[in-house]
Amino acid sequence: MKLLYLDELKGFYKSKVMAILWLGMPLLSLLMHFLQAGVEELPISFLVGLVVASIGGTLSSVMLSTSIVNEKNRQVYDLFLIRPVKRRNILFAKFLAVYSCLLIATVISLIVGVLIDVLTIGLPAETVMEQIFESMSISLGAMAISCSLGILIGIVTSSVAAAAIVSIYIGNQLSLLSMLPSLFLPGINPIVFSALIGITLSSLFLFLSTSLFKKKLS
């Protein structure tokens, strides 16, 4: 499992998509500061978490689904039929590799967003830490849903174009389930809700993915 994870991580963090996320998301944090000039309802750090989860999650979902479809079409997984590798470990390694890369992009972007809030709004340290934790929780829940769904889409589709299109539309919509209710329903604890939805849906998608994957390779 560890070797599979490191191999997938090496491949994903060298990809152009991850380079765009790691460099583009912090720059987007700065851009959002200027676009939000005069509006103080939502801190930059909170908005950055939502944007990173939406854009980063969607791109990662597309990357995972198309990667799996490509490998299926090239019959890469046939090699694992003669090796002592658990089928679920292949998918879990992909999920964890992309999720790790997304986590790095999210942390960098949130740090930039928090620094902007501190310098422009002058938020106290206690408030800043609370916002970081809340934004991270919401972002991680949404991205877990997007990544796990991307794997499921890659398993059930055979066309790269179809996998990309479905990932963009369905992945982005489902990832919002962990974000929007906490924004419009004040009585909901956003951290608990995001964690609950993220863990439930991502676990369901990964379970379905591994079950279908085993059948396709058997």
C-alpha atoms as a PDB file:
ATOM      1  CA  MET A   1       0.000   0.000   0.000  1.00  0.00           C
ATOM      2  CA  LYS A   2       2.795   2.404   0.918  1.00  0.00           C
ATOM      3  CA  LEU A   3       4.682   1.794  -2.325  1.00  0.00           C
ATOM      4  CA  LEU A   4       1.494   2.215  -4.357  1.00  0.00           C
ATOM      5  CA  TYR A   5       0.729   5.470  -2.544  1.00  0.00           C
ATOM      6  CA  LEU A   6       4.226   6.899  -3.061  1.00  0.00           C
ATOM      7  CA  ASP A   7       4.182   5.910  -6.730  1.00  0.00           C
ATOM      8  CA  GLU A   8       0.796   7.569  -7.292  1.00  0.00           C
ATOM      9  CA  LEU A   9       1.844  10.620  -5.276  1.00  0.00           C
ATOM     10  CA  LYS A  10       4.952  11.040  -7.396  1.00  0.00           C
ATOM     11  CA  GLY A  11       2.899  10.910 -10.562  1.00  0.00           C
ATOM     12  CA  PHE A  12       0.165  13.281  -9.420  1.00  0.00           C
ATOM     13  CA  TYR A  13       2.290  16.002  -7.837  1.00  0.00           C
ATOM     14  CA  LYS A  14       4.306  16.282 -11.052  1.00  0.00           C
ATOM     15  CA  SER A  15       1.171  16.769 -13.140  1.00  0.00           C
ATOM     16  CA  LYS A  16       0.224  20.133 -14.623  1.00  0.00           C
ATOM     17  CA  VAL A  17      -3.088  20.129 -12.770  1.00  0.00           C
ATOM     18  CA  MET A  18      -1.392  20.006  -9.378  1.00  0.00           C
ATOM     19  CA  ALA A  19       1.100  22.671 -10.429  1.00  0.00           C
ATOM     20  CA  ILE A  20      -1.844  24.906 -11.324  1.00  0.00           C
ATOM     21  CA  LEU A  21      -3.483  24.233  -7.956  1.00  0.00           C
ATOM     22  CA  TRP A  22      -0.364  24.828  -5.883  1.00  0.00           C
ATOM     23  CA  LEU A  23       0.503  28.056  -7.681  1.00  0.00           C
ATOM     24  CA  GLY A  24      -2.898  29.237  -8.855  1.00  0.00           C
ATOM     25  CA  MET A  25      -4.887  28.881  -5.641  1.00  0.00           C
ATOM     26  CA  PRO A  26      -2.642  31.200  -3.557  1.00  0.00           C
ATOM     27  CA  LEU A  27      -2.752  33.751  -6.376  1.00  0.00           C
ATOM     28  CA  LEU A  28      -6.523  33.417  -6.404  1.00  0.00           C
ATOM     29  CA  SER A  29      -6.523  34.280  -2.699  1.00  0.00           C
ATOM     30  CA  LEU A  30      -4.868  37.588  -3.513  1.00  0.00           C
ATOM     31  CA  LEU A  31      -7.255  38.220  -6.391  1.00  0.00           C
ATOM     32  CA  MET A  32     -10.276  37.577  -4.187  1.00  0.00           C
ATOM     33  CA  HIS A  33      -9.046  40.231  -1.767  1.00  0.00           C
ATOM     34  CA  PHE A  34      -9.310  42.885  -4.477  1.00  0.00           C
ATOM     35  CA  LEU A  35     -12.592  41.564  -5.871  1.00  0.00           C
ATOM     36  CA  GLN A  36     -14.148  41.625  -2.416  1.00  0.00           C
ATOM     37  CA  ALA A  37     -13.088  45.171  -1.594  1.00  0.00           C
ATOM     38  CA  GLY A  38     -15.630  46.859   0.654  1.00  0.00           C
ATOM     39  CA  VAL A  39     -17.461  43.628   1.506  1.00  0.00           C
ATOM     40  CA  GLU A  40     -16.808  42.348   5.018  1.00  0.00           C
ATOM     41  CA  GLU A  41     -19.514  39.752   5.552  1.00  0.00           C
ATOM     42  CA  LEU A  42     -17.245  36.813   4.801  1.00  0.00           C
ATOM     43  CA  PRO A  43     -13.504  36.808   5.538  1.00  0.00           C
ATOM     44  CA  ILE A  44     -11.108  36.008   2.691  1.00  0.00           C
ATOM     45  CA  SER A  45      -9.871  32.891   4.490  1.00  0.00           C
ATOM     46  CA  PHE A  46     -13.405  31.447   4.548  1.00  0.00           C
ATOM     47  CA  LEU A  47     -14.075  32.238   0.889  1.00  0.00           C
ATOM     48  CA  VAL A  48     -10.729  30.772  -0.101  1.00  0.00           C
ATOM     49  CA  GLY A  49     -11.665  27.487   1.545  1.00  0.00           C
ATOM     50  CA  LEU A  50     -14.878  27.299  -0.461  1.00  0.00           C
ATOM     51  CA  VAL A  51     -13.213  28.216  -3.760  1.00  0.00           C
ATOM     52  CA  VAL A  52     -10.339  25.772  -3.300  1.00  0.00           C
ATOM     53  CA  ALA A  53     -12.777  22.995  -2.438  1.00  0.00           C
ATOM     54  CA  SER A  54     -14.883  23.721  -5.517  1.00  0.00           C
ATOM     55  CA  ILE A  55     -12.147  24.261  -8.108  1.00  0.00           C
ATOM     56  CA  GLY A  56      -9.578  21.898  -6.633  1.00  0.00           C
ATOM     57  CA  GLY A  57     -12.115  19.166  -5.990  1.00  0.00           C
ATOM     58  CA  THR A  58     -13.505  19.368  -9.517  1.00  0.00           C
ATOM     59  CA  LEU A  59     -10.081  19.290 -11.179  1.00  0.00           C
ATOM     60  CA  SER A  60      -8.985  16.375  -9.018  1.00  0.00           C
ATOM     61  CA  SER A  61     -12.170  14.474  -9.770  1.00  0.00           C
ATOM     62  CA  VAL A  62     -11.541  14.910 -13.491  1.00  0.00           C
ATOM     63  CA  MET A  63      -7.905  13.895 -13.127  1.00  0.00           C
ATOM     64  CA  LEU A  64      -8.743  10.742 -11.174  1.00  0.00           C
ATOM     65  CA  SER A  65     -11.576   9.619 -13.434  1.00  0.00           C
ATOM     66  CA  THR A  66      -9.662  10.177 -16.684  1.00  0.00           C
ATOM     67  CA  SER A  67      -6.533   8.564 -15.244  1.00  0.00           C
ATOM     68  CA  ILE A  68      -8.431   5.407 -14.319  1.00  0.00           C
ATOM     69  CA  VAL A  69     -10.191   5.253 -17.706  1.00  0.00           C
ATOM     70  CA  ASN A  70      -6.845   5.643 -19.497  1.00  0.00           C
ATOM     71  CA  GLU A  71      -5.278   2.878 -17.446  1.00  0.00           C
ATOM     72  CA  LYS A  72      -8.261   0.595 -18.056  1.00  0.00           C
ATOM     73  CA  ASN A  73      -8.141   1.200 -21.803  1.00  0.00           C
ATOM     74  CA  ARG A  74      -4.401   0.466 -21.843  1.00  0.00           C
ATOM     75  CA  GLN A  75      -5.078  -2.684 -19.796  1.00  0.00           C
ATOM     76  CA  VAL A  76      -2.654  -1.588 -17.093  1.00  0.00           C
ATOM     77  CA  TYR A  77      -4.679  -3.308 -14.396  1.00  0.00           C
ATOM     78  CA  ASP A  78      -4.351  -6.688 -16.086  1.00  0.00           C
ATOM     79  CA  LEU A  79      -0.805  -6.816 -14.715  1.00  0.00           C
ATOM     80  CA  PHE A  80      -2.148  -6.841 -11.172  1.00  0.00           C
ATOM     81  CA  LEU A  81      -3.960 -10.117 -11.822  1.00  0.00           C
ATOM     82  CA  ILE A  82      -0.643 -11.958 -11.486  1.00  0.00           C
ATOM     83  CA  ARG A  83       0.658  -9.868  -8.578  1.00  0.00           C
ATOM     84  CA  PRO A  84      -0.257 -10.110  -4.881  1.00  0.00           C
ATOM     85  CA  VAL A  85      -1.822  -6.646  -4.804  1.00  0.00           C
ATOM     86  CA  LYS A  86      -5.205  -6.055  -3.230  1.00  0.00           C
ATOM     87  CA  ARG A  87      -7.579  -4.388  -5.661  1.00  0.00           C
ATOM     88  CA  ARG A  88      -8.835  -1.881  -3.115  1.00  0.00           C
ATOM     89  CA  ASN A  89      -5.274  -0.744  -2.341  1.00  0.00           C
ATOM     90  CA  ILE A  90      -4.859   0.422  -5.931  1.00  0.00           C
ATOM     91  CA  LEU A  91      -7.842   2.743  -5.640  1.00  0.00           C
ATOM     92  CA  PHE A  92      -7.092   3.850  -2.080  1.00  0.00           C
ATOM     93  CA  ALA A  93      -3.546   4.781  -3.135  1.00  0.00           C
ATOM     94  CA  LYS A  94      -4.914   6.993  -5.908  1.00  0.00           C
ATOM     95  CA  PHE A  95      -7.426   8.605  -3.568  1.00  0.00           C
ATOM     96  CA  LEU A  96      -4.869   9.322  -0.843  1.00  0.00           C
ATOM     97  CA  ALA A  97      -2.269  10.628  -3.304  1.00  0.00           C
ATOM     98  CA  VAL A  98      -4.598  13.184  -4.868  1.00  0.00           C
ATOM     99  CA  TYR A  99      -6.122  14.065  -1.513  1.00  0.00           C
ATOM    100  CA  SER A 100      -2.651  14.740  -0.088  1.00  0.00           C
ATOM    101  CA  CYS A 101      -1.830  17.067  -2.972  1.00  0.00           C
ATOM    102  CA  LEU A 102      -5.131  18.878  -2.497  1.00  0.00           C
ATOM    103  CA  LEU A 103      -4.438  19.239   1.214  1.00  0.00           C
ATOM    104  CA  ILE A 104      -1.140  20.982   0.477  1.00  0.00           C
ATOM    105  CA  ALA A 105      -2.828  23.365  -1.983  1.00  0.00           C
ATOM    106  CA  THR A 106      -5.574  24.099   0.553  1.00  0.00           C
ATOM    107  CA  VAL A 107      -3.141  24.821   3.389  1.00  0.00           C
ATOM    108  CA  ILE A 108      -1.065  27.171   1.240  1.00  0.00           C
ATOM    109  CA  SER A 109      -4.151  29.015   0.008  1.00  0.00           C
ATOM    110  CA  LEU A 110      -5.662  29.330   3.483  1.00  0.00           C
ATOM    111  CA  ILE A 111      -2.409  30.682   4.901  1.00  0.00           C
ATOM    112  CA  VAL A 112      -2.415  33.374   2.221  1.00  0.00           C
ATOM    113  CA  GLY A 113      -6.088  34.118   2.916  1.00  0.00           C
ATOM    114  CA  VAL A 114      -5.530  34.368   6.671  1.00  0.00           C
ATOM    115  CA  LEU A 115      -2.554  36.681   6.223  1.00  0.00           C
ATOM    116  CA  ILE A 116      -4.712  38.944   4.073  1.00  0.00           C
ATOM    117  CA  ASP A 117      -7.436  38.959   6.750  1.00  0.00           C
ATOM    118  CA  VAL A 118      -4.941  39.776   9.493  1.00  0.00           C
ATOM    119  CA  LEU A 119      -3.341  42.601   7.529  1.00  0.00           C
ATOM    120  CA  THR A 120      -6.532  44.142   6.146  1.00  0.00           C
ATOM    121  CA  ILE A 121      -9.272  43.400   8.674  1.00  0.00           C
ATOM    122  CA  GLY A 122      -7.099  42.949  11.743  1.00  0.00           C
ATOM    123  CA  LEU A 123      -8.797  39.792  12.981  1.00  0.00           C
ATOM    124  CA  PRO A 124      -7.678  38.548  16.420  1.00  0.00           C
ATOM    125  CA  ALA A 125      -5.660  35.328  16.594  1.00  0.00           C
ATOM    126  CA  GLU A 126      -8.516  33.386  18.190  1.00  0.00           C
ATOM    127  CA  THR A 127     -10.912  34.297  15.389  1.00  0.00           C
ATOM    128  CA  VAL A 128      -8.306  33.509  12.746  1.00  0.00           C
ATOM    129  CA  MET A 129      -7.675  30.019  14.124  1.00  0.00           C
ATOM    130  CA  GLU A 130     -11.399  29.336  14.304  1.00  0.00           C
ATOM    131  CA  GLN A 131     -11.846  30.372  10.672  1.00  0.00           C
ATOM    132  CA  ILE A 132      -8.913  28.247   9.541  1.00  0.00           C
ATOM    133  CA  PHE A 133     -10.316  25.165  11.266  1.00  0.00           C
ATOM    134  CA  GLU A 134     -13.804  25.760   9.891  1.00  0.00           C
ATOM    135  CA  SER A 135     -12.587  26.415   6.341  1.00  0.00           C
ATOM    136  CA  MET A 136     -10.318  23.371   6.422  1.00  0.00           C
ATOM    137  CA  SER A 137     -13.139  21.137   7.657  1.00  0.00           C
ATOM    138  CA  ILE A 138     -15.538  22.293   4.947  1.00  0.00           C
ATOM    139  CA  SER A 139     -12.876  22.073   2.234  1.00  0.00           C
ATOM    140  CA  LEU A 140     -11.648  18.610   3.210  1.00  0.00           C
ATOM    141  CA  GLY A 141     -15.172  17.212   3.326  1.00  0.00           C
ATOM    142  CA  ALA A 142     -16.020  18.575  -0.117  1.00  0.00           C
ATOM    143  CA  MET A 143     -12.739  17.424  -1.661  1.00  0.00           C
ATOM    144  CA  ALA A 144     -13.107  13.916  -0.233  1.00  0.00           C
ATOM    145  CA  ILE A 145     -16.477  13.652  -1.968  1.00  0.00           C
ATOM    146  CA  SER A 146     -15.067  14.913  -5.283  1.00  0.00           C
ATOM    147  CA  CYS A 147     -12.047  12.593  -5.244  1.00  0.00           C
ATOM    148  CA  SER A 148     -13.985   9.464  -4.293  1.00  0.00           C
ATOM    149  CA  LEU A 149     -16.648  10.233  -6.886  1.00  0.00           C
ATOM    150  CA  GLY A 150     -13.945  10.723  -9.518  1.00  0.00           C
ATOM    151  CA  ILE A 151     -12.700   7.202  -8.822  1.00  0.00           C
ATOM    152  CA  LEU A 152     -16.213   5.771  -9.114  1.00  0.00           C
ATOM    153  CA  ILE A 153     -16.805   7.603 -12.400  1.00  0.00           C
ATOM    154  CA  GLY A 154     -13.510   6.279 -13.751  1.00  0.00           C
ATOM    155  CA  ILE A 155     -14.519   2.718 -12.877  1.00  0.00           C
ATOM    156  CA  VAL A 156     -17.978   2.813 -14.491  1.00  0.00           C
ATOM    157  CA  THR A 157     -17.108   4.740 -17.679  1.00  0.00           C
ATOM    158  CA  SER A 158     -14.974   3.690 -20.623  1.00  0.00           C
ATOM    159  CA  SER A 159     -14.566   7.033 -22.384  1.00  0.00           C
ATOM    160  CA  VAL A 160     -12.116   9.709 -21.251  1.00  0.00           C
ATOM    161  CA  ALA A 161     -14.351  12.489 -22.555  1.00  0.00           C
ATOM    162  CA  ALA A 162     -17.412  11.089 -20.792  1.00  0.00           C
ATOM    163  CA  ALA A 163     -15.474  10.679 -17.549  1.00  0.00           C
ATOM    164  CA  ALA A 164     -14.298  14.295 -17.683  1.00  0.00           C
ATOM    165  CA  ILE A 165     -17.748  15.713 -18.436  1.00  0.00           C
ATOM    166  CA  VAL A 166     -19.513  13.683 -15.756  1.00  0.00           C
ATOM    167  CA  SER A 167     -16.829  14.547 -13.199  1.00  0.00           C
ATOM    168  CA  ILE A 168     -17.155  18.263 -13.876  1.00  0.00           C
ATOM    169  CA  TYR A 169     -20.919  18.424 -13.563  1.00  0.00           C
ATOM    170  CA  ILE A 170     -21.803  15.749 -11.028  1.00  0.00           C
ATOM    171  CA  GLY A 171     -18.634  16.026  -8.961  1.00  0.00           C
ATOM    172  CA  ASN A 172     -18.974  19.755  -8.460  1.00  0.00           C
ATOM    173  CA  GLN A 173     -22.660  19.493  -7.560  1.00  0.00           C
ATOM    174  CA  LEU A 174     -22.215  16.738  -4.988  1.00  0.00           C
ATOM    175  CA  SER A 175     -19.235  18.422  -3.337  1.00  0.00           C
ATOM    176  CA  LEU A 176     -21.469  21.399  -2.582  1.00  0.00           C
ATOM    177  CA  LEU A 177     -23.531  19.184  -0.283  1.00  0.00           C
ATOM    178  CA  SER A 178     -20.921  19.575   2.429  1.00  0.00           C
ATOM    179  CA  MET A 179     -20.649  23.351   2.022  1.00  0.00           C
ATOM    180  CA  LEU A 180     -23.933  25.082   1.197  1.00  0.00           C
ATOM    181  CA  PRO A 181     -26.208  23.883   4.045  1.00  0.00           C
ATOM    182  CA  SER A 182     -23.835  25.275   6.668  1.00  0.00           C
ATOM    183  CA  LEU A 183     -23.919  28.663   4.927  1.00  0.00           C
ATOM    184  CA  PHE A 184     -27.696  28.991   4.711  1.00  0.00           C
ATOM    185  CA  LEU A 185     -28.761  27.122   7.856  1.00  0.00           C
ATOM    186  CA  PRO A 186     -27.305  28.955  10.880  1.00  0.00           C
ATOM    187  CA  GLY A 187     -28.321  26.232  13.330  1.00  0.00           C
ATOM    188  CA  ILE A 188     -26.008  23.645  11.721  1.00  0.00           C
ATOM    189  CA  ASN A 189     -22.480  23.202  13.012  1.00  0.00           C
ATOM    190  CA  PRO A 190     -20.458  23.506   9.759  1.00  0.00           C
ATOM    191  CA  ILE A 191     -17.537  21.438  11.029  1.00  0.00           C
ATOM    192  CA  VAL A 192     -19.642  18.501  12.199  1.00  0.00           C
ATOM    193  CA  PHE A 193     -21.942  18.631   9.167  1.00  0.00           C
ATOM    194  CA  SER A 194     -19.089  18.790   6.633  1.00  0.00           C
ATOM    195  CA  ALA A 195     -17.210  15.963   8.325  1.00  0.00           C
ATOM    196  CA  LEU A 196     -20.321  13.786   8.520  1.00  0.00           C
ATOM    197  CA  ILE A 197     -21.325  14.308   4.884  1.00  0.00           C
ATOM    198  CA  GLY A 198     -17.748  14.021   3.637  1.00  0.00           C
ATOM    199  CA  ILE A 199     -17.004  10.765   5.461  1.00  0.00           C
ATOM    200  CA  THR A 200     -20.365   9.199   4.610  1.00  0.00           C
ATOM    201  CA  LEU A 201     -20.411   9.960   0.881  1.00  0.00           C
ATOM    202  CA  SER A 202     -16.714   9.351   0.245  1.00  0.00           C
ATOM    203  CA  SER A 203     -16.877   6.012   2.089  1.00  0.00           C
ATOM    204  CA  LEU A 204     -19.932   5.021   0.052  1.00  0.00           C
ATOM    205  CA  PHE A 205     -18.306   5.972  -3.264  1.00  0.00           C
ATOM    206  CA  LEU A 206     -15.056   4.177  -2.393  1.00  0.00           C
ATOM    207  CA  PHE A 207     -16.952   1.054  -1.336  1.00  0.00           C
ATOM    208  CA  LEU A 208     -18.883   1.010  -4.615  1.00  0.00           C
ATOM    209  CA  SER A 209     -15.678   1.657  -6.557  1.00  0.00           C
ATOM    210  CA  THR A 210     -13.763  -1.209  -4.969  1.00  0.00           C
ATOM    211  CA  SER A 211     -16.689  -3.596  -5.410  1.00  0.00           C
ATOM    212  CA  LEU A 212     -17.059  -2.773  -9.110  1.00  0.00           C
ATOM    213  CA  PHE A 213     -13.293  -2.767  -9.607  1.00  0.00           C
ATOM    214  CA  LYS A 214     -12.956  -6.289  -8.220  1.00  0.00           C
ATOM    215  CA  LYS A 215     -15.688  -7.534 -10.560  1.00  0.00           C
ATOM    216  CA  LYS A 216     -14.057  -5.956 -13.605  1.00  0.00           C
ATOM    217  CA  LEU A 217     -10.670  -7.507 -12.804  1.00  0.00           C
ATOM    218  CA  SER A 218     -12.001 -10.935 -11.853  1.00  0.00           C
END
